[in-house]
């Protein structure tokens, strides 16, 4: 079922949602997910998505030292 961003935002408000969990498959086909605080979810987020800003170390593991 496809909903418009306005419908989703209305549902979020009505149901007092605090977090939004986005699920997707990575390029290898493995399921991934990321949870966003509601303050980050708006019409632009629902229409255009978001860019991952996670940094990776040379070994491919997430970096714990953001620079």
PDB file of N, CA and C in Angstrom:
ATOM      1  N   UNK A   1       0.843  -1.170   0.000  1.00  0.00           N
ATOM      2  CA  UNK A   1       0.000   0.000   0.000  1.00  0.00           C
ATOM      3  C   UNK A   1       0.894   1.241   0.000  1.00  0.00           C
ATOM      4  N   UNK A   2       0.731   2.080  -1.001  1.00  0.00           N
ATOM      5  CA  UNK A   2       1.511   3.310  -1.097  1.00  0.00           C
ATOM      6  C   UNK A   2       0.739   4.455  -0.448  1.00  0.00           C
ATOM      7  N   UNK A   3       1.433   5.208   0.386  1.00  0.00           N
ATOM      8  CA  UNK A   3       0.835   6.365   1.051  1.00  0.00           C
ATOM      9  C   UNK A   3       1.624   7.605   0.693  1.00  0.00           C
ATOM     10  N   UNK A   4       0.962   8.738   0.691  1.00  0.00           N
ATOM     11  CA  UNK A   4       1.649   9.996   0.447  1.00  0.00           C
ATOM     12  C   UNK A   4       2.405  10.405   1.710  1.00  0.00           C
ATOM     13  N   UNK A   5       3.436  11.240   1.573  1.00  0.00           N
ATOM     14  CA  UNK A   5       4.151  11.718   2.764  1.00  0.00           C
ATOM     15  C   UNK A   5       3.207  12.392   3.766  1.00  0.00           C
ATOM     16  N   UNK A   6       2.224  13.135   3.277  1.00  0.00           N
ATOM     17  CA  UNK A   6       1.294  13.810   4.172  1.00  0.00           C
ATOM     18  C   UNK A   6       0.477  12.799   4.980  1.00  0.00           C
ATOM     19  N   UNK A   7       0.049  11.710   4.333  1.00  0.00           N
ATOM     20  CA  UNK A   7      -0.717  10.668   5.020  1.00  0.00           C
ATOM     21  C   UNK A   7       0.136   9.995   6.093  1.00  0.00           C
ATOM     22  N   UNK A   8       1.377   9.703   5.760  1.00  0.00           N
ATOM     23  CA  UNK A   8       2.280   9.055   6.710  1.00  0.00           C
ATOM     24  C   UNK A   8       2.554   9.977   7.894  1.00  0.00           C
ATOM     25  N   UNK A   9       2.830  11.252   7.639  1.00  0.00           N
ATOM     26  CA  UNK A   9       3.089  12.200   8.725  1.00  0.00           C
ATOM     27  C   UNK A   9       1.866  12.357   9.623  1.00  0.00           C
ATOM     28  N   UNK A  10       0.675  12.351   9.033  1.00  0.00           N
ATOM     29  CA  UNK A  10      -0.551  12.427   9.818  1.00  0.00           C
ATOM     30  C   UNK A  10      -0.702  11.193  10.703  1.00  0.00           C
ATOM     31  N   UNK A  11      -0.413  10.015  10.147  1.00  0.00           N
ATOM     32  CA  UNK A  11      -0.497   8.771  10.901  1.00  0.00           C
ATOM     33  C   UNK A  11       0.523   8.765  12.049  1.00  0.00           C
ATOM     34  N   UNK A  12       1.719   9.270  11.776  1.00  0.00           N
ATOM     35  CA  UNK A  12       2.766   9.356  12.805  1.00  0.00           C
ATOM     36  C   UNK A  12       2.275  10.214  13.969  1.00  0.00           C
ATOM     37  N   UNK A  13       1.666  11.350  13.650  1.00  0.00           N
ATOM     38  CA  UNK A  13       1.163  12.256  14.688  1.00  0.00           C
ATOM     39  C   UNK A  13       0.006  11.621  15.464  1.00  0.00           C
ATOM     40  N   UNK A  14      -0.932  11.016  14.760  1.00  0.00           N
ATOM     41  CA  UNK A  14      -2.102  10.403  15.388  1.00  0.00           C
ATOM     42  C   UNK A  14      -1.707   9.273  16.327  1.00  0.00           C
ATOM     43  N   UNK A  15      -0.747   8.470  15.909  1.00  0.00           N
ATOM     44  CA  UNK A  15      -0.345   7.302  16.702  1.00  0.00           C
ATOM     45  C   UNK A  15       0.788   7.609  17.683  1.00  0.00           C
ATOM     46  N   UNK A  16       1.205   8.897  17.755  1.00  0.00           N
ATOM     47  CA  UNK A  16       2.255   9.357  18.669  1.00  0.00           C
ATOM     48  C   UNK A  16       3.550   8.550  18.521  1.00  0.00           C
ATOM     49  N   UNK A  17       3.959   8.350  17.270  1.00  0.00           N
ATOM     50  CA  UNK A  17       5.195   7.616  16.953  1.00  0.00           C
ATOM     51  C   UNK A  17       6.399   8.435  17.424  1.00  0.00           C
ATOM     52  N   UNK A  18       7.398   7.754  17.973  1.00  0.00           N
ATOM     53  CA  UNK A  18       8.615   8.417  18.454  1.00  0.00           C
ATOM     54  C   UNK A  18       9.822   8.151  17.557  1.00  0.00           C
ATOM     55  N   UNK A  19       9.849   6.974  16.912  1.00  0.00           N
ATOM     56  CA  UNK A  19      10.962   6.578  16.053  1.00  0.00           C
ATOM     57  C   UNK A  19      10.420   5.950  14.772  1.00  0.00           C
ATOM     58  N   UNK A  20      11.218   6.059  13.691  1.00  0.00           N
ATOM     59  CA  UNK A  20      10.857   5.427  12.427  1.00  0.00           C
ATOM     60  C   UNK A  20      12.000   4.490  12.046  1.00  0.00           C
ATOM     61  N   UNK A  21      11.666   3.233  11.826  1.00  0.00           N
ATOM     62  CA  UNK A  21      12.650   2.226  11.446  1.00  0.00           C
ATOM     63  C   UNK A  21      12.552   2.008   9.942  1.00  0.00           C
ATOM     64  N   UNK A  22      13.646   2.252   9.234  1.00  0.00           N
ATOM     65  CA  UNK A  22      13.686   2.093   7.782  1.00  0.00           C
ATOM     66  C   UNK A  22      14.417   0.799   7.470  1.00  0.00           C
ATOM     67  N   UNK A  23      13.769  -0.070   6.724  1.00  0.00           N
ATOM     68  CA  UNK A  23      14.361  -1.358   6.351  1.00  0.00           C
ATOM     69  C   UNK A  23      14.611  -1.379   4.846  1.00  0.00           C
ATOM     70  N   UNK A  24      15.734  -1.965   4.455  1.00  0.00           N
ATOM     71  CA  UNK A  24      16.121  -1.985   3.050  1.00  0.00           C
ATOM     72  C   UNK A  24      17.116  -3.108   2.816  1.00  0.00           C
ATOM     73  N   UNK A  25      17.390  -3.414   1.568  1.00  0.00           N
ATOM     74  CA  UNK A  25      18.433  -4.377   1.247  1.00  0.00           C
ATOM     75  C   UNK A  25      19.643  -3.628   0.713  1.00  0.00           C
ATOM     76  N   UNK A  26      20.825  -4.075   1.119  1.00  0.00           N
ATOM     77  CA  UNK A  26      22.053  -3.448   0.629  1.00  0.00           C
ATOM     78  C   UNK A  26      22.354  -4.003  -0.768  1.00  0.00           C
ATOM     79  N   UNK A  27      23.404  -3.502  -1.432  1.00  0.00           N
ATOM     80  CA  UNK A  27      23.700  -3.960  -2.793  1.00  0.00           C
ATOM     81  C   UNK A  27      23.934  -5.469  -2.914  1.00  0.00           C
ATOM     82  N   UNK A  28      24.290  -6.112  -1.820  1.00  0.00           N
ATOM     83  CA  UNK A  28      24.500  -7.563  -1.852  1.00  0.00           C
ATOM     84  C   UNK A  28      23.206  -8.337  -1.590  1.00  0.00           C
ATOM     85  N   UNK A  29      22.122  -7.622  -1.270  1.00  0.00           N
ATOM     86  CA  UNK A  29      20.850  -8.268  -1.024  1.00  0.00           C
ATOM     87  C   UNK A  29      20.583  -8.605   0.435  1.00  0.00           C
ATOM     88  N   UNK A  30      21.456  -8.173   1.347  1.00  0.00           N
ATOM     89  CA  UNK A  30      21.274  -8.448   2.775  1.00  0.00           C
ATOM     90  C   UNK A  30      20.355  -7.380   3.387  1.00  0.00           C
ATOM     91  N   UNK A  31      19.400  -7.838   4.218  1.00  0.00           N
ATOM     92  CA  UNK A  31      18.502  -6.909   4.904  1.00  0.00           C
ATOM     93  C   UNK A  31      19.290  -6.037   5.869  1.00  0.00           C
ATOM     94  N   UNK A  32      18.990  -4.762   5.868  1.00  0.00           N
ATOM     95  CA  UNK A  32      19.584  -3.783   6.781  1.00  0.00           C
ATOM     96  C   UNK A  32      18.442  -2.943   7.355  1.00  0.00           C
ATOM     97  N   UNK A  33      18.736  -2.208   8.412  1.00  0.00           N
ATOM     98  CA  UNK A  33      17.759  -1.250   8.919  1.00  0.00           C
ATOM     99  C   UNK A  33      18.464  -0.168   9.702  1.00  0.00           C
ATOM    100  N   UNK A  34      17.822   0.971   9.780  1.00  0.00           N
ATOM    101  CA  UNK A  34      18.323   2.084  10.575  1.00  0.00           C
ATOM    102  C   UNK A  34      17.104   2.758  11.200  1.00  0.00           C
ATOM    103  N   UNK A  35      17.248   3.185  12.443  1.00  0.00           N
ATOM    104  CA  UNK A  35      16.154   3.821  13.162  1.00  0.00           C
ATOM    105  C   UNK A  35      16.429   5.308  13.273  1.00  0.00           C
ATOM    106  N   UNK A  36      15.431   6.115  12.907  1.00  0.00           N
ATOM    107  CA  UNK A  36      15.550   7.567  12.964  1.00  0.00           C
ATOM    108  C   UNK A  36      14.639   8.129  14.040  1.00  0.00           C
ATOM    109  N   UNK A  37      15.147   9.112  14.776  1.00  0.00           N
ATOM    110  CA  UNK A  37      14.321   9.858  15.709  1.00  0.00           C
ATOM    111  C   UNK A  37      13.295  10.633  14.892  1.00  0.00           C
ATOM    112  N   UNK A  38      12.121  10.788  15.431  1.00  0.00           N
ATOM    113  CA  UNK A  38      11.050  11.455  14.699  1.00  0.00           C
ATOM    114  C   UNK A  38      11.428  12.869  14.257  1.00  0.00           C
ATOM    115  N   UNK A  39      12.313  13.521  14.990  1.00  0.00           N
ATOM    116  CA  UNK A  39      12.725  14.880  14.624  1.00  0.00           C
ATOM    117  C   UNK A  39      13.411  14.925  13.257  1.00  0.00           C
ATOM    118  N   UNK A  40      13.885  13.776  12.764  1.00  0.00           N
ATOM    119  CA  UNK A  40      14.566  13.722  11.470  1.00  0.00           C
ATOM    120  C   UNK A  40      13.626  13.371  10.313  1.00  0.00           C
ATOM    121  N   UNK A  41      12.376  13.049  10.630  1.00  0.00           N
ATOM    122  CA  UNK A  41      11.431  12.589   9.613  1.00  0.00           C
ATOM    123  C   UNK A  41      10.492  13.722   9.229  1.00  0.00           C
ATOM    124  N   UNK A  42      10.558  14.117   7.956  1.00  0.00           N
ATOM    125  CA  UNK A  42       9.664  15.145   7.426  1.00  0.00           C
ATOM    126  C   UNK A  42       9.283  14.766   5.996  1.00  0.00           C
ATOM    127  N   UNK A  43       8.581  15.638   5.314  1.00  0.00           N
ATOM    128  CA  UNK A  43       8.131  15.330   3.959  1.00  0.00           C
ATOM    129  C   UNK A  43       9.312  15.069   3.024  1.00  0.00           C
ATOM    130  N   UNK A  44      10.378  15.841   3.154  1.00  0.00           N
ATOM    131  CA  UNK A  44      11.559  15.651   2.313  1.00  0.00           C
ATOM    132  C   UNK A  44      12.182  14.265   2.557  1.00  0.00           C
ATOM    133  N   UNK A  45      12.275  13.866   3.815  1.00  0.00           N
ATOM    134  CA  UNK A  45      12.814  12.549   4.164  1.00  0.00           C
ATOM    135  C   UNK A  45      11.981  11.448   3.520  1.00  0.00           C
ATOM    136  N   UNK A  46      10.654  11.577   3.598  1.00  0.00           N
ATOM    137  CA  UNK A  46       9.769  10.543   3.054  1.00  0.00           C
ATOM    138  C   UNK A  46       9.738  10.550   1.526  1.00  0.00           C
ATOM    139  N   UNK A  47      10.035  11.683   0.914  1.00  0.00           N
ATOM    140  CA  UNK A  47      10.012  11.794  -0.541  1.00  0.00           C
ATOM    141  C   UNK A  47      11.359  11.434  -1.161  1.00  0.00           C
ATOM    142  N   UNK A  48      12.440  11.976  -0.598  1.00  0.00           N
ATOM    143  CA  UNK A  48      13.766  11.828  -1.200  1.00  0.00           C
ATOM    144  C   UNK A  48      14.692  10.872  -0.472  1.00  0.00           C
ATOM    145  N   UNK A  49      14.300  10.451   0.730  1.00  0.00           N
ATOM    146  CA  UNK A  49      15.162   9.561   1.501  1.00  0.00           C
ATOM    147  C   UNK A  49      16.255  10.334   2.204  1.00  0.00           C
ATOM    148  N   UNK A  50      17.278   9.622   2.625  1.00  0.00           N
ATOM    149  CA  UNK A  50      18.391  10.228   3.339  1.00  0.00           C
ATOM    150  C   UNK A  50      19.684   9.580   2.868  1.00  0.00           C
ATOM    151  N   UNK A  51      20.760  10.291   2.994  1.00  0.00           N
ATOM    152  CA  UNK A  51      22.068   9.780   2.607  1.00  0.00           C
ATOM    153  C   UNK A  51      22.764   9.257   3.849  1.00  0.00           C
ATOM    154  N   UNK A  52      23.326   8.067   3.779  1.00  0.00           N
ATOM    155  CA  UNK A  52      24.061   7.516   4.914  1.00  0.00           C
ATOM    156  C   UNK A  52      25.355   8.283   5.099  1.00  0.00           C
ATOM    157  N   UNK A  53      25.637   8.660   6.334  1.00  0.00           N
ATOM    158  CA  UNK A  53      26.876   9.381   6.620  1.00  0.00           C
ATOM    159  C   UNK A  53      27.839   8.529   7.433  1.00  0.00           C
ATOM    160  N   UNK A  54      27.540   7.237   7.538  1.00  0.00           N
ATOM    161  CA  UNK A  54      28.410   6.346   8.304  1.00  0.00           C
ATOM    162  C   UNK A  54      29.771   6.234   7.627  1.00  0.00           C
ATOM    163  N   UNK A  55      30.819   6.383   8.411  1.00  0.00           N
ATOM    164  CA  UNK A  55      32.177   6.247   7.886  1.00  0.00           C
ATOM    165  C   UNK A  55      32.670   4.840   8.153  1.00  0.00           C
ATOM    166  N   UNK A  56      33.491   4.351   7.282  1.00  0.00           N
ATOM    167  CA  UNK A  56      34.030   3.007   7.461  1.00  0.00           C
ATOM    168  C   UNK A  56      35.550   3.079   7.539  1.00  0.00           C
ATOM    169  N   UNK A  57      36.105   2.193   8.342  1.00  0.00           N
ATOM    170  CA  UNK A  57      37.555   2.096   8.459  1.00  0.00           C
ATOM    171  C   UNK A  57      38.081   1.357   7.230  1.00  0.00           C
ATOM    172  N   UNK A  58      39.395   1.371   7.002  1.00  0.00           N
ATOM    173  CA  UNK A  58      39.949   0.635   5.861  1.00  0.00           C
ATOM    174  C   UNK A  58      39.595  -0.844   5.884  1.00  0.00           C
ATOM    175  N   UNK A  59      39.360  -1.410   7.066  1.00  0.00           N
ATOM    176  CA  UNK A  59      39.013  -2.832   7.162  1.00  0.00           C
ATOM    177  C   UNK A  59      37.539  -3.064   6.858  1.00  0.00           C
ATOM    178  N   UNK A  60      36.782  -1.996   6.627  1.00  0.00           N
ATOM    179  CA  UNK A  60      35.380  -2.136   6.301  1.00  0.00           C
ATOM    180  C   UNK A  60      34.446  -2.094   7.495  1.00  0.00           C
ATOM    181  N   UNK A  61      35.011  -1.923   8.689  1.00  0.00           N
ATOM    182  CA  UNK A  61      34.174  -1.844   9.888  1.00  0.00           C
ATOM    183  C   UNK A  61      33.820  -0.385  10.173  1.00  0.00           C
ATOM    184  N   UNK A  62      32.686  -0.121  10.809  1.00  0.00           N
ATOM    185  CA  UNK A  62      32.323   1.257  11.135  1.00  0.00           C
ATOM    186  C   UNK A  62      33.402   1.919  11.987  1.00  0.00           C
ATOM    187  N   UNK A  63      33.689   3.164  11.687  1.00  0.00           N
ATOM    188  CA  UNK A  63      34.666   3.932  12.441  1.00  0.00           C
ATOM    189  C   UNK A  63      34.032   4.496  13.695  1.00  0.00           C
ATOM    190  N   UNK A  64      34.726   4.400  14.823  1.00  0.00           N
ATOM    191  CA  UNK A  64      34.212   4.938  16.071  1.00  0.00           C
ATOM    192  C   UNK A  64      34.772   6.336  16.334  1.00  0.00           C
ATOM    193  N   UNK A  65      35.617   6.836  15.434  1.00  0.00           N
ATOM    194  CA  UNK A  65      36.231   8.148  15.604  1.00  0.00           C
ATOM    195  C   UNK A  65      35.832   9.065  14.462  1.00  0.00           C
ATOM    196  N   UNK A  66      34.661   9.721  14.557  1.00  0.00           N
ATOM    197  CA  UNK A  66      34.250  10.611  13.476  1.00  0.00           C
ATOM    198  C   UNK A  66      35.169  11.801  13.360  1.00  0.00           C
ATOM    199  N   UNK A  67      35.529  12.151  12.145  1.00  0.00           N
ATOM    200  CA  UNK A  67      36.382  13.328  11.895  1.00  0.00           C
ATOM    201  C   UNK A  67      35.825  14.163  10.786  1.00  0.00           C
TER     202      UNK A  67
END
